[in-house]
Protein backbone atom coordinates (compact mmCIF):
# COMPACT_ATOMS: atom_id res chain seq x y z
CA MET A 1 -102.39 38.90 156.38
CA ILE A 2 -101.59 41.12 159.32
CA ALA A 3 -102.83 44.17 157.30
CA GLY A 4 -106.22 42.49 157.02
CA GLU A 5 -105.78 40.62 153.54
CA ARG A 6 -107.02 37.09 154.73
CA ASP A 7 -108.43 35.65 151.07
CA PRO A 8 -106.11 32.58 150.53
CA ALA A 9 -106.50 33.07 146.60
CA SER A 10 -105.23 36.86 146.74
CA THR A 11 -102.49 35.94 149.37
CA ALA A 12 -101.27 32.89 147.41
CA GLY A 13 -100.99 35.14 144.21
CA LEU A 14 -98.45 37.21 146.03
CA ALA A 15 -95.77 34.26 145.71
CA ARG A 16 -92.63 34.76 143.75
CA THR A 17 -90.18 32.55 141.89
CA ARG A 18 -90.88 28.78 142.16
CA MET A 19 -93.59 29.04 144.67
CA ARG A 20 -95.74 30.56 141.68
CA SER A 21 -96.32 27.20 140.43
CA LYS A 22 -97.49 25.92 143.65
CA HIS A 23 -100.70 28.08 143.89
CA ASP A 24 -103.11 25.66 144.64
CA ALA A 25 -101.21 24.15 147.47
CA LEU A 26 -100.67 27.58 148.89
CA VAL A 27 -104.48 28.13 148.94
CA GLU A 28 -105.11 25.22 150.60
CA ALA A 29 -102.38 25.90 153.18
CA LEU A 30 -103.62 29.38 153.69
CA THR A 31 -107.07 28.36 154.27
CA GLY A 32 -107.96 28.42 157.85
CA MET A 33 -108.50 30.71 160.93
CA PHE A 34 -106.29 33.77 161.11
CA ALA A 35 -108.13 36.11 163.28
CA GLY A 36 -106.83 39.76 164.72
CA HIS A 37 -105.07 38.24 167.59
CA HIS A 38 -103.10 36.06 165.48
CA ALA A 39 -102.28 39.17 163.30
CA ASP A 40 -101.19 41.02 166.61
CA LEU A 41 -99.03 38.28 167.70
CA ALA A 42 -97.31 37.92 164.20
CA GLN A 43 -96.60 41.99 164.18
CA LEU A 44 -95.06 41.68 167.85
CA LEU A 45 -92.77 38.99 166.45
CA LEU A 46 -91.78 41.14 163.22
CA ASP A 47 -91.36 44.14 165.59
CA GLN A 48 -89.17 42.12 167.93
CA ILE A 49 -87.13 40.81 164.82
CA GLY A 50 -86.83 44.43 163.74
CA PHE A 51 -85.47 45.62 167.14
CA LEU A 52 -82.95 42.84 167.12
CA ASP A 53 -81.76 43.56 163.50
CA GLN A 54 -81.21 47.23 164.45
CA LYS A 55 -79.09 46.14 167.65
CA ILE A 56 -77.07 43.84 165.58
CA THR A 57 -76.33 46.52 163.06
CA TRP A 58 -75.29 48.79 165.98
CA LEU A 59 -73.01 46.15 167.44
CA THR A 60 -71.56 45.19 163.88
CA GLY A 61 -70.54 49.09 163.68
CA ARG A 62 -68.98 49.09 167.11
CA ILE A 63 -66.93 45.86 166.65
CA ASP A 64 -65.73 47.45 163.12
CA ASP A 65 -64.78 50.69 165.05
CA ALA A 66 -63.04 48.73 167.71
CA ILE A 67 -60.93 46.48 165.32
CA THR A 68 -60.13 49.65 163.13
CA ALA A 69 -58.71 51.20 166.29
CA ILE A 70 -56.25 48.61 166.69
CA PRO A 71 -52.77 49.52 165.24
CA ALA A 72 -51.74 46.12 164.38
CA ALA A 73 -55.22 45.34 162.49
CA ARG A 74 -54.71 47.95 160.11
CA GLY A 75 -53.22 48.10 156.72
CA VAL A 76 -50.45 49.82 154.96
CA ASP A 77 -51.01 51.60 151.61
CA ALA A 78 -48.28 51.67 148.99
CA ASP A 79 -46.58 54.91 150.22
CA GLY A 80 -46.22 53.47 153.69
CA THR A 81 -49.19 55.22 155.34
CA SER A 82 -50.96 53.46 157.86
CA GLY A 83 -54.27 54.43 159.41
CA PRO A 84 -57.88 53.37 159.97
CA TYR A 85 -58.87 53.15 156.25
CA ALA A 86 -55.51 52.33 155.11
CA GLY A 87 -54.70 49.14 153.01
CA ASN A 88 -57.95 49.30 151.01
CA SER A 89 -56.30 49.96 147.48
CA PRO A 90 -54.93 47.14 145.42
CA ASP A 91 -51.42 48.01 145.62
CA ALA A 92 -51.44 47.87 149.51
CA ILE A 93 -48.54 46.45 151.26
CA ILE A 94 -50.48 45.07 154.04
CA VAL A 95 -53.97 44.44 153.77
CA PRO A 96 -56.16 44.82 157.33
CA ALA A 97 -56.01 41.76 159.35
CA ALA A 98 -59.75 41.14 159.02
CA TRP A 99 -59.65 41.41 155.40
CA ARG A 100 -57.13 38.81 155.11
CA LEU A 101 -58.95 36.26 157.24
CA ASP A 102 -62.06 37.10 155.24
CA GLU A 103 -60.18 35.58 152.23
CA ILE A 104 -60.39 32.01 153.90
CA PRO A 105 -63.27 30.22 152.80
CA GLY A 106 -66.06 29.80 155.46
CA ILE A 107 -65.12 32.87 156.96
CA GLY A 108 -66.96 36.23 156.47
CA PRO A 109 -66.10 39.78 157.93
CA ASP A 110 -67.98 39.41 161.10
CA LEU A 111 -66.68 35.86 161.65
CA ALA A 112 -63.19 37.15 161.06
CA CYS A 113 -63.42 40.05 163.70
CA SER A 114 -64.74 37.26 166.26
CA ILE A 115 -61.86 35.22 165.71
CA ILE A 116 -59.54 38.06 166.02
CA ALA A 117 -61.34 38.90 169.30
CA GLU A 118 -60.39 35.39 170.79
CA THR A 119 -56.79 35.00 169.37
CA GLY A 120 -55.35 38.38 169.35
CA LEU A 121 -53.21 39.78 166.74
CA ASP A 122 -49.79 39.00 168.58
CA MET A 123 -48.98 35.45 167.53
CA THR A 124 -45.56 35.50 169.02
CA ARG A 125 -47.72 34.33 172.17
CA PHE A 126 -47.96 30.97 170.13
CA PRO A 127 -44.46 29.91 169.17
CA THR A 128 -46.08 27.64 166.17
CA ALA A 129 -49.13 27.08 164.74
CA ALA A 130 -49.53 23.62 166.69
CA HIS A 131 -49.47 25.97 170.10
CA LEU A 132 -52.44 27.94 168.89
CA VAL A 133 -54.30 24.80 168.06
CA ALA A 134 -53.59 23.37 171.06
CA TRP A 135 -54.96 26.45 173.34
CA ALA A 136 -58.12 26.37 171.00
CA GLY A 137 -58.76 22.60 172.12
CA LEU A 138 -58.58 21.34 168.50
CA CYS A 139 -55.67 19.03 169.03
CA PRO A 140 -56.35 15.44 169.36
CA ARG A 141 -55.52 13.61 172.56
CA THR A 142 -55.73 10.05 173.96
CA ILE A 143 -57.09 9.33 177.27
CA GLN A 144 -55.88 6.01 178.90
CA SER A 145 -57.05 4.44 182.00
CA GLY A 146 -55.27 0.87 182.75
CA THR A 147 -56.28 -1.20 179.66
CA ARG A 148 -58.75 1.20 178.16
CA THR A 149 -57.94 3.91 175.63
CA ARG A 150 -60.04 6.52 174.07
CA ASP A 151 -60.11 9.59 172.14
CA GLY A 152 -60.74 12.92 174.22
CA LYS A 153 -61.51 16.46 173.50
CA GLY A 154 -59.33 19.15 175.02
CA HIS A 155 -60.83 22.00 177.19
CA GLY A 156 -59.54 24.67 174.92
CA ASN A 157 -61.18 28.11 174.16
CA THR A 158 -64.80 27.19 173.44
CA TYR A 159 -65.78 30.43 171.94
CA LEU A 160 -62.73 30.35 169.26
CA ARG A 161 -63.80 26.45 168.61
CA GLY A 162 -67.36 27.45 168.11
CA TYR A 163 -66.25 30.07 165.52
CA LEU A 164 -63.96 27.49 163.83
CA GLY A 165 -66.66 25.12 163.57
CA GLN A 166 -69.01 27.60 161.65
CA ALA A 167 -66.22 28.49 159.35
CA ALA A 168 -65.43 24.61 158.71
CA ALA A 169 -69.44 23.88 158.07
CA ALA A 170 -69.36 26.75 155.83
CA ALA A 171 -66.21 25.95 153.93
CA ALA A 172 -67.40 22.39 153.67
CA ARG A 173 -69.96 23.53 151.00
CA THR A 174 -67.53 25.22 148.84
CA ASP A 175 -65.65 24.16 145.77
CA THR A 176 -62.30 24.73 147.30
CA PHE A 177 -59.33 22.97 148.83
CA LEU A 178 -60.74 22.97 152.43
CA GLY A 179 -64.21 22.13 150.72
CA GLU A 180 -62.56 19.03 149.03
CA ARG A 181 -60.50 17.98 152.45
CA TYR A 182 -63.80 17.92 154.39
CA ARG A 183 -65.25 15.75 151.76
CA ARG A 184 -62.31 13.26 151.64
CA ILE A 185 -62.21 12.95 155.41
CA ALA A 186 -66.12 12.75 155.90
CA ARG A 187 -66.22 9.86 153.37
CA ARG A 188 -63.55 7.70 155.77
CA ARG A 189 -64.31 9.06 159.10
CA GLY A 190 -67.58 10.89 159.23
CA ALA A 191 -68.70 14.31 159.32
CA ALA A 192 -67.96 15.23 162.77
CA LYS A 193 -64.40 14.38 162.49
CA ALA A 194 -64.21 16.24 159.28
CA GLN A 195 -65.25 19.25 160.44
CA VAL A 196 -62.95 19.19 163.51
CA ALA A 197 -60.19 18.56 161.09
CA VAL A 198 -61.07 21.48 158.72
CA ALA A 199 -61.52 23.78 161.82
CA ARG A 200 -58.05 22.87 162.57
CA SER A 201 -56.68 23.70 159.13
CA ILE A 202 -58.41 27.17 159.11
CA LEU A 203 -56.90 27.96 162.64
CA VAL A 204 -53.34 26.88 161.10
CA ILE A 205 -53.97 29.33 158.31
CA THR A 206 -55.07 32.07 160.60
CA TRP A 207 -51.78 31.65 162.55
CA HIS A 208 -49.66 32.25 159.50
CA LEU A 209 -51.61 35.07 158.15
CA LEU A 210 -51.57 36.86 161.59
CA ALA A 211 -47.82 35.89 162.18
CA ASP A 212 -46.78 37.48 158.98
CA ARG A 213 -48.80 40.95 158.01
CA GLN A 214 -47.82 40.59 154.68
CA ALA A 215 -49.12 37.08 154.23
CA ARG A 216 -52.18 36.40 151.89
CA TYR A 217 -54.31 33.41 151.61
CA THR A 218 -53.95 31.39 148.41
CA ASP A 219 -56.51 28.23 147.88
CA LEU A 220 -54.85 25.28 146.46
CA GLY A 221 -57.86 24.47 144.51
CA PRO A 222 -60.16 21.30 144.98
CA ASP A 223 -58.06 19.37 142.81
CA TRP A 224 -54.88 19.51 144.87
CA TYR A 225 -55.11 16.17 146.50
CA GLN A 226 -55.82 14.55 143.13
CA SER A 227 -52.69 16.27 141.51
CA LYS A 228 -50.35 15.84 144.38
CA ILE A 229 -51.11 13.19 146.85
CA ASP A 230 -52.77 10.61 144.79
CA LYS A 231 -49.99 10.87 142.30
CA THR A 232 -47.43 10.45 145.24
CA ARG A 233 -49.37 7.48 146.62
CA ARG A 234 -49.64 5.66 143.24
CA ALA A 235 -45.88 6.17 142.86
CA ARG A 236 -45.07 4.63 146.08
CA SER A 237 -47.50 1.73 145.47
CA HIS A 238 -45.62 0.95 142.15
CA ILE A 239 -42.07 1.23 143.76
CA ARG A 240 -43.45 -1.06 146.54
CA GLN A 241 -44.64 -3.69 144.09
CA LEU A 242 -41.33 -3.43 142.22
CA GLU A 243 -39.06 -3.91 145.18
CA ALA A 244 -41.14 -7.09 146.34
CA LEU A 245 -40.06 -8.41 142.89
CA GLY A 246 -36.24 -7.69 144.01
CA TYR A 247 -35.54 -4.46 142.14
CA THR A 248 -34.07 -1.32 143.59
CA VAL A 249 -36.12 1.77 142.42
CA THR A 250 -34.79 5.07 142.03
CA ILE A 251 -37.20 7.66 140.56
CA THR A 252 -36.68 11.17 139.06
CA GLN A 253 -39.17 13.73 138.39
CA ALA A 254 -39.67 14.41 134.55
CA ALA A 255 -38.59 17.98 133.21
């Protein structure tokens, strides 16, 4: 249309995939007034999008260079060699830090670099994962004033919390342990609290991966709760029922 093609039928004929079956609806939607100044405005917007895409590509390259320049973020090859491009082989001793975070569901290469930019790579500043969670403001707290008690949100690092929120939202759509964790909590307590809980889990995983350079993420699978927690819960329930009848119960895991 910007180039001058204004015929609704011809424009609708350019549809692809599922939109091809909606040819008549497209013709009706495209029938209207699209003058030259509309084309100029549309081209102006496309030019702006192209300009921003170029800047994003340039900034992404600069971020990659900055991460690669940090010795602690580099990988180590099987022969002990460390450098900007080390750790890329399957037999590498240490995989680059951004790659290790990229293995977490919901985190991509760009988001991994953003998280590293906020947390740093030196986890000795945070004695435990709980310290990092509190620093990010993802630790639940209770605000009490007189007889009134309500839940509160810590101040923390808002940028890091935002990145983790993005990761949690993406992980919620996956068929993984984190995705199943989100769905289980969302059913009981709502989507907002489920997203915060998954964001906290992702940050705990991040702490472990950055604290131990040789650690790698291993997904427990979406059936972990069913195979572990539910089984234990059922066993406790049966034991309570037997104890209520006056029995003393001792259970042993079958071989």
